[in-house]
Amino acid sequence: MNSSVRFIASVLVAGATTAALVTQAAATPKYTTSEVMKALHKGKDSIGKHISDGNGTKEEIKKLLEYYPSMLLNDPEKGDKAEWKKRVTALIAASKALDKGTPGALDQYKEAVNCKACHSAHKPDKEH
């Protein structure tokens, strides 16, 4: 191989490696599901509760959009992965609708944030 062919080959390999690393980094969740739950849904005065009650601020809605997408990259602790993705996608869509001020967005969010249904399907029972 002449030097220009080797150079082009090395550039292509470097580019492919960089692309693979960028893709891997993009696929790494920023938060665990537990961190998302603690940040948005823990406590009686949680962000999720505040929003569900119709009192959410723009900053709180932005938090939803910051945290929920990580859940798409996390596997559920139990249950069907496709169902998990469907539920999380609904949360993200509702959060985006809230952010845009779309009519009916609050009802969409309340339906999507059904804790009991999600926990029954995806959260393991605690061992006693």
C-alpha atoms as a PDB file:
ATOM      1  CA  MET A   1       0.000   0.000   0.000  1.00  0.00           C
ATOM      2  CA  ASN A   2       1.270   3.408  -0.781  1.00  0.00           C
ATOM      3  CA  SER A   3       1.391   6.105   1.866  1.00  0.00           C
ATOM      4  CA  SER A   4      -1.739   7.964   0.692  1.00  0.00           C
ATOM      5  CA  VAL A   5      -3.835   4.792   0.778  1.00  0.00           C
ATOM      6  CA  ARG A   6      -2.543   4.022   4.292  1.00  0.00           C
ATOM      7  CA  PHE A   7      -3.317   7.571   5.372  1.00  0.00           C
ATOM      8  CA  ILE A   8      -6.872   7.393   4.012  1.00  0.00           C
ATOM      9  CA  ALA A   9      -7.369   3.996   5.643  1.00  0.00           C
ATOM     10  CA  SER A  10      -6.153   5.315   9.006  1.00  0.00           C
ATOM     11  CA  VAL A  11      -8.456   8.354   8.746  1.00  0.00           C
ATOM     12  CA  LEU A  12     -11.410   6.075   7.999  1.00  0.00           C
ATOM     13  CA  VAL A  13     -10.594   3.818  10.938  1.00  0.00           C
ATOM     14  CA  ALA A  14     -10.204   6.821  13.247  1.00  0.00           C
ATOM     15  CA  GLY A  15     -13.501   8.251  12.014  1.00  0.00           C
ATOM     16  CA  ALA A  16     -15.317   4.958  12.541  1.00  0.00           C
ATOM     17  CA  THR A  17     -13.857   4.626  16.036  1.00  0.00           C
ATOM     18  CA  THR A  18     -14.892   8.176  16.920  1.00  0.00           C
ATOM     19  CA  ALA A  19     -18.404   7.585  15.560  1.00  0.00           C
ATOM     20  CA  ALA A  20     -18.698   4.398  17.628  1.00  0.00           C
ATOM     21  CA  LEU A  21     -17.591   6.220  20.791  1.00  0.00           C
ATOM     22  CA  VAL A  22     -20.027   9.085  20.162  1.00  0.00           C
ATOM     23  CA  THR A  23     -22.866   6.608  19.582  1.00  0.00           C
ATOM     24  CA  GLN A  24     -21.954   4.723  22.747  1.00  0.00           C
ATOM     25  CA  ALA A  25     -21.803   7.959  24.755  1.00  0.00           C
ATOM     26  CA  ALA A  26     -25.186   9.026  23.375  1.00  0.00           C
ATOM     27  CA  ALA A  27     -26.623   5.656  24.417  1.00  0.00           C
ATOM     28  CA  THR A  28     -25.355   5.946  27.978  1.00  0.00           C
ATOM     29  CA  PRO A  29     -28.119   7.226  30.254  1.00  0.00           C
ATOM     30  CA  LYS A  30     -27.370  10.355  32.236  1.00  0.00           C
ATOM     31  CA  TYR A  31     -29.466   9.072  35.159  1.00  0.00           C
ATOM     32  CA  THR A  32     -30.504   5.680  36.486  1.00  0.00           C
ATOM     33  CA  THR A  33     -34.210   4.975  36.799  1.00  0.00           C
ATOM     34  CA  SER A  34     -33.825   5.239  40.567  1.00  0.00           C
ATOM     35  CA  GLU A  35     -32.260   8.703  40.215  1.00  0.00           C
ATOM     36  CA  VAL A  36     -35.122   9.794  37.950  1.00  0.00           C
ATOM     37  CA  MET A  37     -37.708   8.572  40.438  1.00  0.00           C
ATOM     38  CA  LYS A  38     -35.966  10.316  43.349  1.00  0.00           C
ATOM     39  CA  ALA A  39     -35.587  13.585  41.438  1.00  0.00           C
ATOM     40  CA  LEU A  40     -39.123  13.730  40.064  1.00  0.00           C
ATOM     41  CA  HIS A  41     -41.444  11.547  42.126  1.00  0.00           C
ATOM     42  CA  LYS A  42     -40.131  11.093  45.667  1.00  0.00           C
ATOM     43  CA  GLY A  43     -42.134  12.700  48.436  1.00  0.00           C
ATOM     44  CA  LYS A  44     -45.537  14.291  48.785  1.00  0.00           C
ATOM     45  CA  ASP A  45     -44.276  17.582  47.359  1.00  0.00           C
ATOM     46  CA  SER A  46     -42.429  16.080  44.380  1.00  0.00           C
ATOM     47  CA  ILE A  47     -42.066  17.759  41.020  1.00  0.00           C
ATOM     48  CA  GLY A  48     -44.318  15.142  39.426  1.00  0.00           C
ATOM     49  CA  LYS A  49     -47.039  15.716  42.031  1.00  0.00           C
ATOM     50  CA  HIS A  50     -46.723  19.478  41.705  1.00  0.00           C
ATOM     51  CA  ILE A  51     -47.148  19.224  37.938  1.00  0.00           C
ATOM     52  CA  SER A  52     -50.025  16.709  38.193  1.00  0.00           C
ATOM     53  CA  ASP A  53     -51.812  19.124  40.522  1.00  0.00           C
ATOM     54  CA  GLY A  54     -51.629  21.770  37.780  1.00  0.00           C
ATOM     55  CA  ASN A  55     -49.034  23.875  39.599  1.00  0.00           C
ATOM     56  CA  GLY A  56     -45.944  23.003  37.589  1.00  0.00           C
ATOM     57  CA  THR A  57     -43.510  25.721  36.661  1.00  0.00           C
ATOM     58  CA  LYS A  58     -41.569  25.939  33.422  1.00  0.00           C
ATOM     59  CA  GLU A  59     -38.424  24.980  35.351  1.00  0.00           C
ATOM     60  CA  GLU A  60     -40.125  21.889  36.757  1.00  0.00           C
ATOM     61  CA  ILE A  61     -41.345  20.854  33.323  1.00  0.00           C
ATOM     62  CA  LYS A  62     -37.790  21.271  31.999  1.00  0.00           C
ATOM     63  CA  LYS A  63     -36.672  18.856  34.742  1.00  0.00           C
ATOM     64  CA  LEU A  64     -39.056  16.243  33.325  1.00  0.00           C
ATOM     65  CA  LEU A  65     -37.472  16.719  29.920  1.00  0.00           C
ATOM     66  CA  GLU A  66     -34.014  16.438  31.458  1.00  0.00           C
ATOM     67  CA  TYR A  67     -34.657  13.246  33.425  1.00  0.00           C
ATOM     68  CA  TYR A  68     -37.246  11.105  31.611  1.00  0.00           C
ATOM     69  CA  PRO A  69     -35.180  10.470  28.447  1.00  0.00           C
ATOM     70  CA  SER A  70     -32.592   8.589  30.533  1.00  0.00           C
ATOM     71  CA  MET A  71     -35.245   6.035  31.344  1.00  0.00           C
ATOM     72  CA  LEU A  72     -35.484   5.075  27.662  1.00  0.00           C
ATOM     73  CA  LEU A  73     -31.843   4.022  27.841  1.00  0.00           C
ATOM     74  CA  ASN A  74     -32.307   2.040  31.063  1.00  0.00           C
ATOM     75  CA  ASP A  75     -33.761  -1.456  31.016  1.00  0.00           C
ATOM     76  CA  PRO A  76     -36.731  -2.121  33.276  1.00  0.00           C
ATOM     77  CA  GLU A  77     -35.942  -4.111  36.412  1.00  0.00           C
ATOM     78  CA  LYS A  78     -38.659  -6.564  35.410  1.00  0.00           C
ATOM     79  CA  GLY A  79     -41.303  -6.937  32.731  1.00  0.00           C
ATOM     80  CA  ASP A  80     -41.462  -6.369  29.004  1.00  0.00           C
ATOM     81  CA  LYS A  81     -38.894  -3.960  27.577  1.00  0.00           C
ATOM     82  CA  ALA A  82     -41.185  -2.869  24.726  1.00  0.00           C
ATOM     83  CA  GLU A  83     -43.938  -1.994  27.221  1.00  0.00           C
ATOM     84  CA  TRP A  84     -41.371  -0.080  29.314  1.00  0.00           C
ATOM     85  CA  LYS A  85     -40.314   1.964  26.288  1.00  0.00           C
ATOM     86  CA  LYS A  86     -43.969   2.640  25.426  1.00  0.00           C
ATOM     87  CA  ARG A  87     -44.666   3.955  28.932  1.00  0.00           C
ATOM     88  CA  VAL A  88     -41.529   6.109  29.041  1.00  0.00           C
ATOM     89  CA  THR A  89     -42.180   7.447  25.543  1.00  0.00           C
ATOM     90  CA  ALA A  90     -45.661   8.490  26.707  1.00  0.00           C
ATOM     91  CA  LEU A  91     -44.105  10.333  29.683  1.00  0.00           C
ATOM     92  CA  ILE A  92     -41.692  12.154  27.395  1.00  0.00           C
ATOM     93  CA  ALA A  93     -44.425  13.047  24.885  1.00  0.00           C
ATOM     94  CA  ALA A  94     -46.656  14.379  27.670  1.00  0.00           C
ATOM     95  CA  SER A  95     -43.755  16.380  29.102  1.00  0.00           C
ATOM     96  CA  LYS A  96     -43.031  17.912  25.707  1.00  0.00           C
ATOM     97  CA  ALA A  97     -46.718  18.786  25.342  1.00  0.00           C
ATOM     98  CA  LEU A  98     -46.646  20.473  28.764  1.00  0.00           C
ATOM     99  CA  ASP A  99     -43.539  22.394  27.755  1.00  0.00           C
ATOM    100  CA  LYS A 100     -45.253  23.636  24.587  1.00  0.00           C
ATOM    101  CA  GLY A 101     -48.462  24.490  26.432  1.00  0.00           C
ATOM    102  CA  THR A 102     -50.468  22.107  24.257  1.00  0.00           C
ATOM    103  CA  PRO A 103     -54.158  21.942  25.204  1.00  0.00           C
ATOM    104  CA  GLY A 104     -54.890  18.704  27.085  1.00  0.00           C
ATOM    105  CA  ALA A 105     -51.222  18.208  28.004  1.00  0.00           C
ATOM    106  CA  LEU A 106     -51.920  18.041  31.728  1.00  0.00           C
ATOM    107  CA  ASP A 107     -54.446  15.221  31.255  1.00  0.00           C
ATOM    108  CA  GLN A 108     -51.968  13.488  28.955  1.00  0.00           C
ATOM    109  CA  TYR A 109     -49.299  13.743  31.650  1.00  0.00           C
ATOM    110  CA  LYS A 110     -51.620  12.493  34.411  1.00  0.00           C
ATOM    111  CA  GLU A 111     -52.456   9.438  32.313  1.00  0.00           C
ATOM    112  CA  ALA A 112     -48.805   8.755  31.467  1.00  0.00           C
ATOM    113  CA  VAL A 113     -47.544   9.156  35.046  1.00  0.00           C
ATOM    114  CA  ASN A 114     -49.562   6.243  36.444  1.00  0.00           C
ATOM    115  CA  CYS A 115     -47.084   5.121  39.117  1.00  0.00           C
ATOM    116  CA  LYS A 116     -48.990   2.045  40.267  1.00  0.00           C
ATOM    117  CA  ALA A 117     -49.371   0.609  36.757  1.00  0.00           C
ATOM    118  CA  CYS A 118     -45.712   1.155  35.917  1.00  0.00           C
ATOM    119  CA  HIS A 119     -44.422  -0.162  39.244  1.00  0.00           C
ATOM    120  CA  SER A 120     -46.657  -3.251  39.028  1.00  0.00           C
ATOM    121  CA  ALA A 121     -45.273  -4.054  35.589  1.00  0.00           C
ATOM    122  CA  HIS A 122     -41.633  -3.050  36.001  1.00  0.00           C
ATOM    123  CA  LYS A 123     -40.520  -2.687  39.625  1.00  0.00           C
ATOM    124  CA  PRO A 124     -39.516  -5.886  41.408  1.00  0.00           C
ATOM    125  CA  ASP A 125     -41.315  -6.787  44.601  1.00  0.00           C
ATOM    126  CA  LYS A 126     -39.240  -5.997  47.672  1.00  0.00           C
ATOM    127  CA  GLU A 127     -37.930  -9.003  49.504  1.00  0.00           C
ATOM    128  CA  HIS A 128     -38.915  -9.162  53.145  1.00  0.00           C
END
